[in-house]
Amino acid sequence: NPDRREDCARAADRALERYNDLKATAYGAATDAAAKYA
């Protein structure tokens, strides 16, 4: 829910974890998209 801090915080943490996983394995459009989403 983009209007609730707690939801966004939880999702941001998960998105940052996904970004870090992607960054460790590959670089490209998926990594850039994950960074922008986080």
All heavy atoms as atom14 arrays in JSON, in Angstrom:
{
  "sequence": "NPDRREDCARAADRALERYNDLKATAYGAATDAAAKYA",
  "atom14_mask": [
    [1, 1, 1, 1, 1, 1, 1, 1, 0, 0, 0, 0, 0, 0],
    [1, 1, 1, 1, 1, 1, 1, 0, 0, 0, 0, 0, 0, 0],
    [1, 1, 1, 1, 1, 1, 1, 1, 0, 0, 0, 0, 0, 0],
    [1, 1, 1, 1, 1, 1, 1, 1, 1, 1, 1, 0, 0, 0],
    [1, 1, 1, 1, 1, 1, 1, 1, 1, 1, 1, 0, 0, 0],
    [1, 1, 1, 1, 1, 1, 1, 1, 1, 0, 0, 0, 0, 0],
    [1, 1, 1, 1, 1, 1, 1, 1, 0, 0, 0, 0, 0, 0],
    [1, 1, 1, 1, 1, 1, 0, 0, 0, 0, 0, 0, 0, 0],
    [1, 1, 1, 1, 1, 0, 0, 0, 0, 0, 0, 0, 0, 0],
    [1, 1, 1, 1, 1, 1, 1, 1, 1, 1, 1, 0, 0, 0],
    [1, 1, 1, 1, 1, 0, 0, 0, 0, 0, 0, 0, 0, 0],
    [1, 1, 1, 1, 1, 0, 0, 0, 0, 0, 0, 0, 0, 0],
    [1, 1, 1, 1, 1, 1, 1, 1, 0, 0, 0, 0, 0, 0],
    [1, 1, 1, 1, 1, 1, 1, 1, 1, 1, 1, 0, 0, 0],
    [1, 1, 1, 1, 1, 0, 0, 0, 0, 0, 0, 0, 0, 0],
    [1, 1, 1, 1, 1, 1, 1, 1, 0, 0, 0, 0, 0, 0],
    [1, 1, 1, 1, 1, 1, 1, 1, 1, 0, 0, 0, 0, 0],
    [1, 1, 1, 1, 1, 1, 1, 1, 1, 1, 1, 0, 0, 0],
    [1, 1, 1, 1, 1, 1, 1, 1, 1, 1, 1, 1, 0, 0],
    [1, 1, 1, 1, 1, 1, 1, 1, 0, 0, 0, 0, 0, 0],
    [1, 1, 1, 1, 1, 1, 1, 1, 0, 0, 0, 0, 0, 0],
    [1, 1, 1, 1, 1, 1, 1, 1, 0, 0, 0, 0, 0, 0],
    [1, 1, 1, 1, 1, 1, 1, 1, 1, 0, 0, 0, 0, 0],
    [1, 1, 1, 1, 1, 0, 0, 0, 0, 0, 0, 0, 0, 0],
    [1, 1, 1, 1, 1, 1, 1, 0, 0, 0, 0, 0, 0, 0],
    [1, 1, 1, 1, 1, 0, 0, 0, 0, 0, 0, 0, 0, 0],
    [1, 1, 1, 1, 1, 1, 1, 1, 1, 1, 1, 1, 0, 0],
    [1, 1, 1, 1, 0, 0, 0, 0, 0, 0, 0, 0, 0, 0],
    [1, 1, 1, 1, 1, 0, 0, 0, 0, 0, 0, 0, 0, 0],
    [1, 1, 1, 1, 1, 0, 0, 0, 0, 0, 0, 0, 0, 0],
    [1, 1, 1, 1, 1, 1, 1, 0, 0, 0, 0, 0, 0, 0],
    [1, 1, 1, 1, 1, 1, 1, 1, 0, 0, 0, 0, 0, 0],
    [1, 1, 1, 1, 1, 0, 0, 0, 0, 0, 0, 0, 0, 0],
    [1, 1, 1, 1, 1, 0, 0, 0, 0, 0, 0, 0, 0, 0],
    [1, 1, 1, 1, 1, 0, 0, 0, 0, 0, 0, 0, 0, 0],
    [1, 1, 1, 1, 1, 1, 1, 1, 1, 0, 0, 0, 0, 0],
    [1, 1, 1, 1, 1, 1, 1, 1, 1, 1, 1, 1, 0, 0],
    [1, 1, 1, 1, 1, 0, 0, 0, 0, 0, 0, 0, 0, 0]
  ],
  "atom14_positions": [
    [[0.87, -1.17, 0.0], [0.0, 0.0, 0.0], [0.91, 1.23, 0.0], [1.66, 1.45, 0.96], [-0.88, -0.01, 1.24], [-1.85, 1.13, 1.31], [-1.67, 2.14, 0.64], [-2.88, 0.99, 2.11], [0.0, 0.0, 0.0], [0.0, 0.0, 0.0], [0.0, 0.0, 0.0], [0.0, 0.0, 0.0], [0.0, 0.0, 0.0], [0.0, 0.0, 0.0]],
    [[0.88, 2.05, -1.05], [1.82, 3.17, -1.14], [1.54, 4.29, -0.14], [2.35, 5.21, -0.01], [1.65, 3.67, -2.57], [0.28, 3.26, -2.95], [0.01, 1.98, -2.21], [0.0, 0.0, 0.0], [0.0, 0.0, 0.0], [0.0, 0.0, 0.0], [0.0, 0.0, 0.0], [0.0, 0.0, 0.0], [0.0, 0.0, 0.0], [0.0, 0.0, 0.0]],
    [[0.43, 4.21, 0.58], [0.09, 5.24, 1.55], [0.37, 4.82, 2.99], [0.07, 5.56, 3.92], [-1.39, 5.62, 1.39], [-1.66, 6.17, 0.01], [-0.85, 6.99, -0.47], [-2.67, 5.78, -0.6], [0.0, 0.0, 0.0], [0.0, 0.0, 0.0], [0.0, 0.0, 0.0], [0.0, 0.0, 0.0], [0.0, 0.0, 0.0], [0.0, 0.0, 0.0]],
    [[0.93, 3.65, 3.19], [1.25, 3.16, 4.54], [2.75, 2.96, 4.67], [3.36, 2.18, 3.95], [0.52, 1.85, 4.82], [-0.96, 2.01, 4.83], [-1.59, 1.06, 5.82], [-3.01, 1.24, 5.86], [-3.64, 2.03, 6.71], [-2.95, 2.72, 7.59], [-4.95, 2.13, 6.69], [0.0, 0.0, 0.0], [0.0, 0.0, 0.0], [0.0, 0.0, 0.0]],
    [[3.34, 3.67, 5.63], [4.79, 3.61, 5.84], [5.28, 2.2, 6.1], [6.29, 1.78, 5.55], [5.16, 4.48, 7.04], [5.57, 5.85, 6.67], [6.03, 6.66, 7.88], [5.48, 7.99, 7.67], [4.44, 8.47, 8.29], [3.83, 7.78, 9.21], [3.97, 9.67, 8.01], [0.0, 0.0, 0.0], [0.0, 0.0, 0.0], [0.0, 0.0, 0.0]],
    [[4.57, 1.48, 6.96], [5.02, 0.14, 7.35], [5.05, -0.81, 6.14], [6.01, -1.56, 5.98], [4.09, -0.42, 8.43], [4.58, -1.7, 9.04], [3.69, -2.14, 10.18], [3.35, -1.31, 11.03], [3.35, -3.33, 10.21], [0.0, 0.0, 0.0], [0.0, 0.0, 0.0], [0.0, 0.0, 0.0], [0.0, 0.0, 0.0], [0.0, 0.0, 0.0]],
    [[4.03, -0.76, 5.31], [4.01, -1.6, 4.1], [5.18, -1.25, 3.18], [5.85, -2.13, 2.65], [2.71, -1.43, 3.32], [1.54, -2.16, 3.94], [1.73, -2.84, 4.97], [0.44, -2.05, 3.38], [0.0, 0.0, 0.0], [0.0, 0.0, 0.0], [0.0, 0.0, 0.0], [0.0, 0.0, 0.0], [0.0, 0.0, 0.0], [0.0, 0.0, 0.0]],
    [[5.4, 0.03, 2.99], [6.48, 0.47, 2.1], [7.84, 0.1, 2.68], [8.75, -0.28, 1.94], [6.4, 1.97, 1.85], [4.98, 2.43, 0.84], [0.0, 0.0, 0.0], [0.0, 0.0, 0.0], [0.0, 0.0, 0.0], [0.0, 0.0, 0.0], [0.0, 0.0, 0.0], [0.0, 0.0, 0.0], [0.0, 0.0, 0.0], [0.0, 0.0, 0.0]],
    [[8.0, 0.2, 3.99], [9.27, -0.14, 4.62], [9.58, -1.62, 4.44], [10.7, -2.0, 4.09], [9.24, 0.21, 6.11], [0.0, 0.0, 0.0], [0.0, 0.0, 0.0], [0.0, 0.0, 0.0], [0.0, 0.0, 0.0], [0.0, 0.0, 0.0], [0.0, 0.0, 0.0], [0.0, 0.0, 0.0], [0.0, 0.0, 0.0], [0.0, 0.0, 0.0]],
    [[8.57, -2.46, 4.68], [8.76, -3.91, 4.51], [9.1, -4.24, 3.05], [10.02, -5.01, 2.77], [7.47, -4.63, 4.92], [7.68, -5.79, 5.83], [6.41, -6.55, 6.15], [5.17, -5.88, 5.81], [4.32, -5.36, 6.68], [4.56, -5.43, 7.97], [3.21, -4.78, 6.3], [0.0, 0.0, 0.0], [0.0, 0.0, 0.0], [0.0, 0.0, 0.0]],
    [[8.36, -3.65, 2.13], [8.61, -3.9, 0.71], [9.97, -3.36, 0.27], [10.65, -3.97, -0.55], [7.5, -3.29, -0.13], [0.0, 0.0, 0.0], [0.0, 0.0, 0.0], [0.0, 0.0, 0.0], [0.0, 0.0, 0.0], [0.0, 0.0, 0.0], [0.0, 0.0, 0.0], [0.0, 0.0, 0.0], [0.0, 0.0, 0.0], [0.0, 0.0, 0.0]],
    [[10.36, -2.21, 0.81], [11.67, -1.64, 0.47], [12.79, -2.55, 0.94], [13.78, -2.75, 0.23], [11.81, -0.25, 1.08], [0.0, 0.0, 0.0], [0.0, 0.0, 0.0], [0.0, 0.0, 0.0], [0.0, 0.0, 0.0], [0.0, 0.0, 0.0], [0.0, 0.0, 0.0], [0.0, 0.0, 0.0], [0.0, 0.0, 0.0], [0.0, 0.0, 0.0]],
    [[12.64, -3.12, 2.13], [13.66, -4.06, 2.64], [13.77, -5.29, 1.73], [14.87, -5.73, 1.39], [13.33, -4.5, 4.07], [13.52, -3.37, 5.08], [14.2, -2.38, 4.75], [12.98, -3.5, 6.19], [0.0, 0.0, 0.0], [0.0, 0.0, 0.0], [0.0, 0.0, 0.0], [0.0, 0.0, 0.0], [0.0, 0.0, 0.0], [0.0, 0.0, 0.0]],
    [[12.62, -5.84, 1.33], [12.63, -7.0, 0.44], [13.23, -6.63, -0.92], [14.0, -7.4, -1.5], [11.22, -7.56, 0.26], [10.73, -8.34, 1.46], [9.48, -9.14, 1.14], [8.43, -8.37, 0.49], [7.42, -7.76, 1.1], [7.31, -7.85, 2.42], [6.51, -7.1, 0.43], [0.0, 0.0, 0.0], [0.0, 0.0, 0.0], [0.0, 0.0, 0.0]],
    [[12.88, -5.46, -1.43], [13.4, -5.03, -2.73], [14.92, -4.81, -2.66], [15.64, -5.15, -3.61], [12.7, -3.76, -3.19], [0.0, 0.0, 0.0], [0.0, 0.0, 0.0], [0.0, 0.0, 0.0], [0.0, 0.0, 0.0], [0.0, 0.0, 0.0], [0.0, 0.0, 0.0], [0.0, 0.0, 0.0], [0.0, 0.0, 0.0], [0.0, 0.0, 0.0]],
    [[15.39, -4.28, -1.56], [16.83, -4.08, -1.4], [17.55, -5.42, -1.32], [18.64, -5.58, -1.89], [17.1, -3.24, -0.14], [18.52, -2.74, 0.03], [18.95, -1.91, -1.17], [18.63, -1.92, 1.3], [0.0, 0.0, 0.0], [0.0, 0.0, 0.0], [0.0, 0.0, 0.0], [0.0, 0.0, 0.0], [0.0, 0.0, 0.0], [0.0, 0.0, 0.0]],
    [[16.95, -6.4, -0.64], [17.55, -7.74, -0.6], [17.63, -8.34, -2.0], [18.64, -8.93, -2.37], [16.74, -8.65, 0.32], [16.89, -8.35, 1.78], [15.94, -9.19, 2.63], [15.32, -10.14, 2.11], [15.81, -8.88, 3.83], [0.0, 0.0, 0.0], [0.0, 0.0, 0.0], [0.0, 0.0, 0.0], [0.0, 0.0, 0.0], [0.0, 0.0, 0.0]],
    [[16.54, -8.2, -2.77], [16.54, -8.72, -4.14], [17.62, -8.02, -4.99], [18.32, -8.66, -5.77], [15.17, -8.52, -4.79], [14.23, -9.62, -4.48], [12.96, -9.5, -5.3], [11.86, -9.55, -4.35], [10.99, -8.59, -4.12], [11.03, -7.48, -4.79], [10.04, -8.73, -3.22], [0.0, 0.0, 0.0], [0.0, 0.0, 0.0], [0.0, 0.0, 0.0]],
    [[17.72, -6.71, -4.81], [18.74, -5.96, -5.55], [20.13, -6.46, -5.2], [20.96, -6.69, -6.09], [18.62, -4.47, -5.24], [19.81, -3.68, -5.71], [20.05, -3.49, -7.07], [20.71, -3.14, -4.8], [21.15, -2.78, -7.51], [21.81, -2.43, -5.23], [22.03, -2.25, -6.58], [23.13, -1.56, -7.0], [0.0, 0.0, 0.0], [0.0, 0.0, 0.0]],
    [[20.41, -6.65, -3.91], [21.73, -7.13, -3.5], [22.01, -8.53, -4.04], [23.14, -8.84, -4.43], [21.86, -7.11, -1.98], [21.98, -5.69, -1.46], [22.48, -4.8, -2.15], [21.48, -5.45, -0.26], [0.0, 0.0, 0.0], [0.0, 0.0, 0.0], [0.0, 0.0, 0.0], [0.0, 0.0, 0.0], [0.0, 0.0, 0.0], [0.0, 0.0, 0.0]],
    [[20.99, -9.39, -4.1], [21.16, -10.72, -4.68], [21.48, -10.63, -6.16], [22.37, -11.32, -6.67], [19.91, -11.58, -4.48], [19.7, -12.0, -3.04], [20.67, -11.89, -2.24], [18.58, -12.43, -2.7], [0.0, 0.0, 0.0], [0.0, 0.0, 0.0], [0.0, 0.0, 0.0], [0.0, 0.0, 0.0], [0.0, 0.0, 0.0], [0.0, 0.0, 0.0]],
    [[20.75, -9.78, -6.86], [20.99, -9.61, -8.29], [22.37, -9.0, -8.56], [23.06, -9.39, -9.5], [19.92, -8.72, -8.92], [18.58, -9.38, -9.2], [17.57, -8.32, -9.62], [18.71, -10.44, -10.26], [0.0, 0.0, 0.0], [0.0, 0.0, 0.0], [0.0, 0.0, 0.0], [0.0, 0.0, 0.0], [0.0, 0.0, 0.0], [0.0, 0.0, 0.0]],
    [[22.73, -8.04, -7.74], [24.01, -7.35, -7.92], [25.17, -8.33, -7.77], [26.17, -8.23, -8.47], [24.13, -6.21, -6.91], [25.31, -5.3, -7.13], [25.27, -4.1, -6.23], [25.48, -4.52, -4.8], [25.67, -3.4, -3.88], [0.0, 0.0, 0.0], [0.0, 0.0, 0.0], [0.0, 0.0, 0.0], [0.0, 0.0, 0.0], [0.0, 0.0, 0.0]],
    [[25.0, -9.3, -6.88], [26.06, -10.27, -6.64], [26.21, -11.26, -7.8], [27.29, -11.81, -8.01], [25.79, -11.03, -5.35], [0.0, 0.0, 0.0], [0.0, 0.0, 0.0], [0.0, 0.0, 0.0], [0.0, 0.0, 0.0], [0.0, 0.0, 0.0], [0.0, 0.0, 0.0], [0.0, 0.0, 0.0], [0.0, 0.0, 0.0], [0.0, 0.0, 0.0]],
    [[25.14, -11.49, -8.54], [25.19, -12.51, -9.59], [25.29, -11.95, -11.0], [25.88, -12.58, -11.86], [23.94, -13.41, -9.52], [22.77, -12.6, -9.68], [23.89, -14.15, -8.2], [0.0, 0.0, 0.0], [0.0, 0.0, 0.0], [0.0, 0.0, 0.0], [0.0, 0.0, 0.0], [0.0, 0.0, 0.0], [0.0, 0.0, 0.0], [0.0, 0.0, 0.0]],
    [[24.7, -10.8, -11.25], [24.68, -10.29, -12.62], [24.52, -8.78, -12.59], [24.15, -8.19, -11.58], [23.53, -10.92, -13.39], [0.0, 0.0, 0.0], [0.0, 0.0, 0.0], [0.0, 0.0, 0.0], [0.0, 0.0, 0.0], [0.0, 0.0, 0.0], [0.0, 0.0, 0.0], [0.0, 0.0, 0.0], [0.0, 0.0, 0.0], [0.0, 0.0, 0.0]],
    [[24.76, -8.19, -13.73], [24.55, -6.76, -13.87], [23.85, -6.53, -15.19], [24.16, -7.14, -16.19], [25.87, -5.98, -13.83], [25.65, -4.49, -13.9], [25.29, -3.79, -12.77], [25.75, -3.8, -15.1], [25.05, -2.43, -12.81], [25.51, -2.45, -15.16], [25.17, -1.76, -14.01], [24.93, -0.42, -14.07], [0.0, 0.0, 0.0], [0.0, 0.0, 0.0]],
    [[22.89, -5.66, -15.16], [22.16, -5.39, -16.4], [20.86, -4.7, -16.09], [20.69, -4.04, -15.06], [0.0, 0.0, 0.0], [0.0, 0.0, 0.0], [0.0, 0.0, 0.0], [0.0, 0.0, 0.0], [0.0, 0.0, 0.0], [0.0, 0.0, 0.0], [0.0, 0.0, 0.0], [0.0, 0.0, 0.0], [0.0, 0.0, 0.0], [0.0, 0.0, 0.0]],
    [[19.9, -4.89, -16.99], [18.61, -4.22, -16.87], [17.86, -4.66, -15.62], [17.21, -3.84, -14.97], [17.77, -4.49, -18.12], [0.0, 0.0, 0.0], [0.0, 0.0, 0.0], [0.0, 0.0, 0.0], [0.0, 0.0, 0.0], [0.0, 0.0, 0.0], [0.0, 0.0, 0.0], [0.0, 0.0, 0.0], [0.0, 0.0, 0.0], [0.0, 0.0, 0.0]],
    [[17.96, -5.93, -15.27], [17.26, -6.43, -14.08], [17.8, -5.78, -12.81], [17.05, -5.41, -11.91], [17.36, -7.94, -13.98], [0.0, 0.0, 0.0], [0.0, 0.0, 0.0], [0.0, 0.0, 0.0], [0.0, 0.0, 0.0], [0.0, 0.0, 0.0], [0.0, 0.0, 0.0], [0.0, 0.0, 0.0], [0.0, 0.0, 0.0], [0.0, 0.0, 0.0]],
    [[19.11, -5.62, -12.75], [19.73, -4.98, -11.59], [19.33, -3.51, -11.5], [19.0, -3.02, -10.42], [21.27, -5.1, -11.67], [21.61, -6.47, -11.86], [21.93, -4.6, -10.42], [0.0, 0.0, 0.0], [0.0, 0.0, 0.0], [0.0, 0.0, 0.0], [0.0, 0.0, 0.0], [0.0, 0.0, 0.0], [0.0, 0.0, 0.0], [0.0, 0.0, 0.0]],
    [[19.33, -2.84, -12.63], [18.93, -1.42, -12.65], [17.47, -1.26, -12.23], [17.13, -0.37, -11.46], [19.13, -0.82, -14.04], [20.6, -0.74, -14.44], [21.46, -0.81, -13.53], [20.87, -0.62, -15.65], [0.0, 0.0, 0.0], [0.0, 0.0, 0.0], [0.0, 0.0, 0.0], [0.0, 0.0, 0.0], [0.0, 0.0, 0.0], [0.0, 0.0, 0.0]],
    [[16.6, -2.13, -12.74], [15.18, -2.07, -12.38], [14.98, -2.34, -10.9], [14.17, -1.68, -10.24], [14.39, -3.06, -13.22], [0.0, 0.0, 0.0], [0.0, 0.0, 0.0], [0.0, 0.0, 0.0], [0.0, 0.0, 0.0], [0.0, 0.0, 0.0], [0.0, 0.0, 0.0], [0.0, 0.0, 0.0], [0.0, 0.0, 0.0], [0.0, 0.0, 0.0]],
    [[15.71, -3.31, -10.35], [15.59, -3.62, -8.93], [16.05, -2.44, -8.07], [15.44, -2.14, -7.05], [16.4, -4.88, -8.59], [0.0, 0.0, 0.0], [0.0, 0.0, 0.0], [0.0, 0.0, 0.0], [0.0, 0.0, 0.0], [0.0, 0.0, 0.0], [0.0, 0.0, 0.0], [0.0, 0.0, 0.0], [0.0, 0.0, 0.0], [0.0, 0.0, 0.0]],
    [[17.1, -1.77, -8.5], [17.6, -0.6, -7.76], [16.58, 0.53, -7.79], [16.31, 1.17, -6.76], [18.92, -0.13, -8.34], [0.0, 0.0, 0.0], [0.0, 0.0, 0.0], [0.0, 0.0, 0.0], [0.0, 0.0, 0.0], [0.0, 0.0, 0.0], [0.0, 0.0, 0.0], [0.0, 0.0, 0.0], [0.0, 0.0, 0.0], [0.0, 0.0, 0.0]],
    [[15.98, 0.77, -8.96], [14.98, 1.83, -9.07], [13.74, 1.52, -8.23], [13.17, 2.41, -7.61], [14.59, 2.03, -10.53], [15.65, 2.7, -11.34], [15.23, 2.86, -12.78], [16.36, 3.47, -13.6], [15.99, 3.6, -15.01], [0.0, 0.0, 0.0], [0.0, 0.0, 0.0], [0.0, 0.0, 0.0], [0.0, 0.0, 0.0], [0.0, 0.0, 0.0]],
    [[13.32, 0.25, -8.22], [12.14, -0.13, -7.45], [12.41, 0.02, -5.95], [11.57, 0.54, -5.22], [11.74, -1.57, -7.78], [10.43, -1.98, -7.17], [9.24, -1.34, -7.51], [10.37, -3.02, -6.25], [8.03, -1.71, -6.96], [9.16, -3.4, -5.69], [8.0, -2.75, -6.04], [6.8, -3.11, -5.49], [0.0, 0.0, 0.0], [0.0, 0.0, 0.0]],
    [[13.59, -0.39, -5.49], [13.95, -0.23, -4.07], [13.99, 1.25, -3.7], [13.52, 1.65, -2.63], [15.29, -0.89, -3.79], [0.0, 0.0, 0.0], [0.0, 0.0, 0.0], [0.0, 0.0, 0.0], [0.0, 0.0, 0.0], [0.0, 0.0, 0.0], [0.0, 0.0, 0.0], [0.0, 0.0, 0.0], [0.0, 0.0, 0.0], [0.0, 0.0, 0.0]]
  ]
}
